[in-house]
Amino acid sequence: MKAQEIDVEIEELVLHGFRPEDRHTIGEAIERHLIALLETRGVPIAWLRTKVGGDLDAGCFAAGPRSAAADTGARIAEVMVEERK
C-alpha cells in the first residue's frame, strides 16, 4: 500500500474564551497533533467525503482556565478526529 502525504493547513481558527496571544500556539499544536493522529489512525471516512478545503468543526469542549495552549490544541485535534470516525 502506498503511503499518502498528509498536509494540514489551518486557514482560519475561531476560538472563543481563549487569550488572543495563545492563538498561534493553539493552532500549531492542532496541526502537529492532527498530523500525528492521521498518520497513526488514518483519515476518518467522513473526512474523505468532505471536499478538499472544506470546513471542519471541532465542536465544543470544556477547558479549564489554566489549560496550557499546547494542551488545548492537542485536545481540539482529538475532538476533530474522534467526532468524525
N, C-alpha and C. Protein backbone atom coordinates (compact mmCIF):
# COMPACT_ATOMS: atom_id res chain seq x y z
N MET A 1 0.84 -1.17 0.00
CA MET A 1 0.00 0.00 0.00
C MET A 1 0.89 1.24 0.00
N LYS A 2 0.58 2.17 -0.86
CA LYS A 2 1.36 3.40 -0.98
C LYS A 2 0.98 4.38 0.12
N ALA A 3 1.97 4.91 0.80
CA ALA A 3 1.72 5.90 1.85
C ALA A 3 1.29 7.22 1.23
N GLN A 4 0.34 7.88 1.85
CA GLN A 4 -0.11 9.18 1.38
C GLN A 4 0.54 10.28 2.20
N GLU A 5 0.83 11.37 1.54
CA GLU A 5 1.37 12.52 2.25
C GLU A 5 0.21 13.26 2.92
N ILE A 6 0.42 13.63 4.15
CA ILE A 6 -0.61 14.36 4.89
C ILE A 6 -0.12 15.78 5.11
N ASP A 7 -0.92 16.72 4.63
CA ASP A 7 -0.60 18.13 4.78
C ASP A 7 -1.78 18.79 5.48
N VAL A 8 -1.53 19.36 6.63
CA VAL A 8 -2.57 20.04 7.39
C VAL A 8 -2.29 21.53 7.38
N GLU A 9 -3.27 22.28 6.93
CA GLU A 9 -3.12 23.74 6.90
C GLU A 9 -4.39 24.35 7.49
N ILE A 10 -4.22 25.13 8.51
CA ILE A 10 -5.35 25.80 9.13
C ILE A 10 -5.38 27.23 8.61
N GLU A 11 -6.39 27.52 7.80
CA GLU A 11 -6.52 28.86 7.24
C GLU A 11 -7.17 29.81 8.22
N GLU A 12 -8.15 29.33 8.94
CA GLU A 12 -8.85 30.17 9.91
C GLU A 12 -9.17 29.34 11.13
N LEU A 13 -8.90 29.90 12.28
CA LEU A 13 -9.17 29.22 13.54
C LEU A 13 -9.98 30.18 14.41
N VAL A 14 -11.18 29.77 14.73
CA VAL A 14 -12.06 30.61 15.53
C VAL A 14 -12.11 30.01 16.94
N LEU A 15 -11.63 30.77 17.90
CA LEU A 15 -11.58 30.31 19.29
C LEU A 15 -12.37 31.28 20.15
N HIS A 16 -13.18 30.74 21.02
CA HIS A 16 -13.93 31.57 21.95
C HIS A 16 -13.48 31.23 23.36
N GLY A 17 -13.19 32.23 24.15
CA GLY A 17 -12.83 32.02 25.55
C GLY A 17 -11.35 31.78 25.79
N PHE A 18 -10.52 32.01 24.80
CA PHE A 18 -9.07 31.83 24.95
C PHE A 18 -8.38 33.18 24.78
N ARG A 19 -7.20 33.29 25.35
CA ARG A 19 -6.44 34.53 25.23
C ARG A 19 -5.95 34.70 23.78
N PRO A 20 -6.11 35.87 23.21
CA PRO A 20 -5.68 36.10 21.82
C PRO A 20 -4.21 35.74 21.59
N GLU A 21 -3.36 35.98 22.57
CA GLU A 21 -1.93 35.69 22.39
C GLU A 21 -1.63 34.19 22.33
N ASP A 22 -2.60 33.34 22.67
CA ASP A 22 -2.40 31.89 22.60
C ASP A 22 -2.79 31.29 21.25
N ARG A 23 -3.33 32.09 20.35
CA ARG A 23 -3.88 31.56 19.11
C ARG A 23 -2.85 30.81 18.26
N HIS A 24 -1.64 31.33 18.16
CA HIS A 24 -0.64 30.67 17.33
C HIS A 24 -0.17 29.35 17.97
N THR A 25 0.02 29.36 19.26
CA THR A 25 0.43 28.14 19.96
C THR A 25 -0.65 27.07 19.82
N ILE A 26 -1.91 27.46 19.98
CA ILE A 26 -3.01 26.51 19.84
C ILE A 26 -3.08 25.99 18.40
N GLY A 27 -3.01 26.87 17.43
CA GLY A 27 -3.06 26.46 16.02
C GLY A 27 -1.94 25.52 15.63
N GLU A 28 -0.72 25.82 16.06
CA GLU A 28 0.42 24.95 15.76
C GLU A 28 0.27 23.59 16.43
N ALA A 29 -0.25 23.57 17.64
CA ALA A 29 -0.47 22.31 18.35
C ALA A 29 -1.54 21.48 17.65
N ILE A 30 -2.57 22.14 17.15
CA ILE A 30 -3.61 21.41 16.41
C ILE A 30 -2.99 20.76 15.18
N GLU A 31 -2.24 21.52 14.41
CA GLU A 31 -1.62 20.98 13.19
C GLU A 31 -0.72 19.79 13.50
N ARG A 32 0.17 19.94 14.48
CA ARG A 32 1.10 18.86 14.83
C ARG A 32 0.35 17.61 15.28
N HIS A 33 -0.61 17.80 16.16
CA HIS A 33 -1.32 16.66 16.72
C HIS A 33 -2.22 16.00 15.67
N LEU A 34 -2.84 16.80 14.82
CA LEU A 34 -3.66 16.22 13.75
C LEU A 34 -2.83 15.35 12.83
N ILE A 35 -1.67 15.84 12.44
CA ILE A 35 -0.80 15.05 11.56
C ILE A 35 -0.44 13.73 12.23
N ALA A 36 -0.06 13.77 13.50
CA ALA A 36 0.30 12.54 14.22
C ALA A 36 -0.89 11.58 14.29
N LEU A 37 -2.06 12.11 14.59
CA LEU A 37 -3.26 11.26 14.68
C LEU A 37 -3.61 10.65 13.33
N LEU A 38 -3.54 11.44 12.28
CA LEU A 38 -3.89 10.94 10.95
C LEU A 38 -2.88 9.91 10.46
N GLU A 39 -1.62 10.10 10.81
CA GLU A 39 -0.59 9.13 10.41
C GLU A 39 -0.78 7.79 11.13
N THR A 40 -1.20 7.84 12.38
CA THR A 40 -1.34 6.59 13.13
C THR A 40 -2.71 5.95 12.97
N ARG A 41 -3.76 6.74 12.86
CA ARG A 41 -5.13 6.20 12.80
C ARG A 41 -5.73 6.20 11.40
N GLY A 42 -5.11 6.95 10.51
CA GLY A 42 -5.68 7.09 9.17
C GLY A 42 -6.68 8.24 9.13
N VAL A 43 -7.10 8.56 7.94
CA VAL A 43 -8.04 9.65 7.74
C VAL A 43 -9.45 9.12 7.99
N PRO A 44 -10.22 9.80 8.85
CA PRO A 44 -11.60 9.37 9.09
C PRO A 44 -12.41 9.34 7.80
N ILE A 45 -13.25 8.34 7.64
CA ILE A 45 -14.04 8.19 6.42
C ILE A 45 -14.88 9.43 6.13
N ALA A 46 -15.45 10.02 7.16
CA ALA A 46 -16.26 11.22 6.96
C ALA A 46 -15.44 12.35 6.33
N TRP A 47 -14.17 12.42 6.63
CA TRP A 47 -13.32 13.46 6.06
C TRP A 47 -13.14 13.24 4.57
N LEU A 48 -13.10 11.98 4.15
CA LEU A 48 -12.91 11.67 2.74
C LEU A 48 -14.11 12.12 1.91
N ARG A 49 -15.25 12.25 2.55
CA ARG A 49 -16.47 12.70 1.88
C ARG A 49 -16.54 14.23 1.82
N THR A 50 -15.68 14.90 2.56
CA THR A 50 -15.66 16.36 2.60
C THR A 50 -14.76 16.86 1.47
N LYS A 51 -15.23 17.89 0.78
CA LYS A 51 -14.41 18.42 -0.32
C LYS A 51 -13.09 18.95 0.22
N VAL A 52 -12.08 18.92 -0.62
CA VAL A 52 -10.77 19.45 -0.24
C VAL A 52 -10.94 20.92 0.10
N GLY A 53 -10.40 21.32 1.22
CA GLY A 53 -10.53 22.70 1.65
C GLY A 53 -11.83 22.96 2.37
N GLY A 54 -12.59 21.92 2.63
CA GLY A 54 -13.86 22.09 3.34
C GLY A 54 -13.64 22.43 4.79
N ASP A 55 -14.68 22.91 5.41
CA ASP A 55 -14.60 23.29 6.82
C ASP A 55 -14.72 22.06 7.72
N LEU A 56 -13.97 22.05 8.77
CA LEU A 56 -14.08 21.03 9.81
C LEU A 56 -14.32 21.75 11.12
N ASP A 57 -15.32 21.32 11.82
CA ASP A 57 -15.71 21.95 13.08
C ASP A 57 -15.26 21.06 14.23
N ALA A 58 -14.47 21.61 15.14
CA ALA A 58 -14.01 20.83 16.29
C ALA A 58 -15.07 20.75 17.37
N GLY A 59 -16.17 21.45 17.19
CA GLY A 59 -17.23 21.39 18.18
C GLY A 59 -16.85 22.12 19.45
N CYS A 60 -17.44 21.69 20.56
CA CYS A 60 -17.21 22.34 21.85
C CYS A 60 -16.66 21.34 22.86
N PHE A 61 -15.87 21.83 23.77
CA PHE A 61 -15.38 21.00 24.87
C PHE A 61 -14.97 21.93 25.99
N ALA A 62 -14.89 21.39 27.16
CA ALA A 62 -14.53 22.19 28.32
C ALA A 62 -13.02 22.23 28.50
N ALA A 63 -12.50 23.42 28.76
CA ALA A 63 -11.09 23.59 29.06
C ALA A 63 -10.99 24.46 30.31
N GLY A 64 -10.19 24.03 31.23
CA GLY A 64 -10.02 24.79 32.47
C GLY A 64 -9.32 26.10 32.22
N PRO A 65 -9.48 27.05 33.12
CA PRO A 65 -8.87 28.36 32.93
C PRO A 65 -7.35 28.32 32.92
N ARG A 66 -6.77 27.28 33.43
CA ARG A 66 -5.31 27.18 33.46
C ARG A 66 -4.77 26.17 32.44
N SER A 67 -5.59 25.77 31.49
CA SER A 67 -5.15 24.83 30.47
C SER A 67 -4.06 25.45 29.61
N ALA A 68 -2.99 24.71 29.40
CA ALA A 68 -1.90 25.20 28.55
C ALA A 68 -2.38 25.26 27.10
N ALA A 69 -1.92 26.24 26.36
CA ALA A 69 -2.34 26.43 24.97
C ALA A 69 -2.02 25.20 24.13
N ALA A 70 -0.85 24.62 24.30
CA ALA A 70 -0.47 23.43 23.51
C ALA A 70 -1.37 22.25 23.84
N ASP A 71 -1.73 22.09 25.12
CA ASP A 71 -2.65 21.01 25.52
C ASP A 71 -4.03 21.24 24.92
N THR A 72 -4.45 22.48 24.87
CA THR A 72 -5.75 22.82 24.28
C THR A 72 -5.75 22.47 22.80
N GLY A 73 -4.68 22.79 22.10
CA GLY A 73 -4.58 22.46 20.68
C GLY A 73 -4.64 20.96 20.45
N ALA A 74 -3.94 20.20 21.28
CA ALA A 74 -3.97 18.74 21.15
C ALA A 74 -5.37 18.20 21.40
N ARG A 75 -6.07 18.77 22.37
CA ARG A 75 -7.44 18.33 22.68
C ARG A 75 -8.38 18.64 21.52
N ILE A 76 -8.22 19.79 20.90
CA ILE A 76 -9.04 20.15 19.75
C ILE A 76 -8.83 19.13 18.62
N ALA A 77 -7.58 18.78 18.36
CA ALA A 77 -7.28 17.79 17.32
C ALA A 77 -7.94 16.45 17.63
N GLU A 78 -7.86 16.02 18.88
CA GLU A 78 -8.50 14.76 19.30
C GLU A 78 -10.00 14.79 19.02
N VAL A 79 -10.64 15.89 19.40
CA VAL A 79 -12.09 16.02 19.20
C VAL A 79 -12.42 15.99 17.72
N MET A 80 -11.62 16.65 16.90
CA MET A 80 -11.87 16.68 15.46
C MET A 80 -11.82 15.28 14.86
N VAL A 81 -10.86 14.48 15.27
CA VAL A 81 -10.71 13.13 14.73
C VAL A 81 -11.77 12.19 15.30
N GLU A 82 -12.01 12.27 16.59
CA GLU A 82 -12.98 11.38 17.24
C GLU A 82 -14.40 11.61 16.73
N GLU A 83 -14.78 12.84 16.51
CA GLU A 83 -16.14 13.15 16.10
C GLU A 83 -16.43 12.69 14.68
N ARG A 84 -15.41 12.35 13.92
CA ARG A 84 -15.60 12.03 12.52
C ARG A 84 -15.13 10.65 12.15
N LYS A 85 -15.27 9.70 13.01
CA LYS A 85 -14.84 8.32 12.73
C LYS A 85 -15.69 7.73 11.62
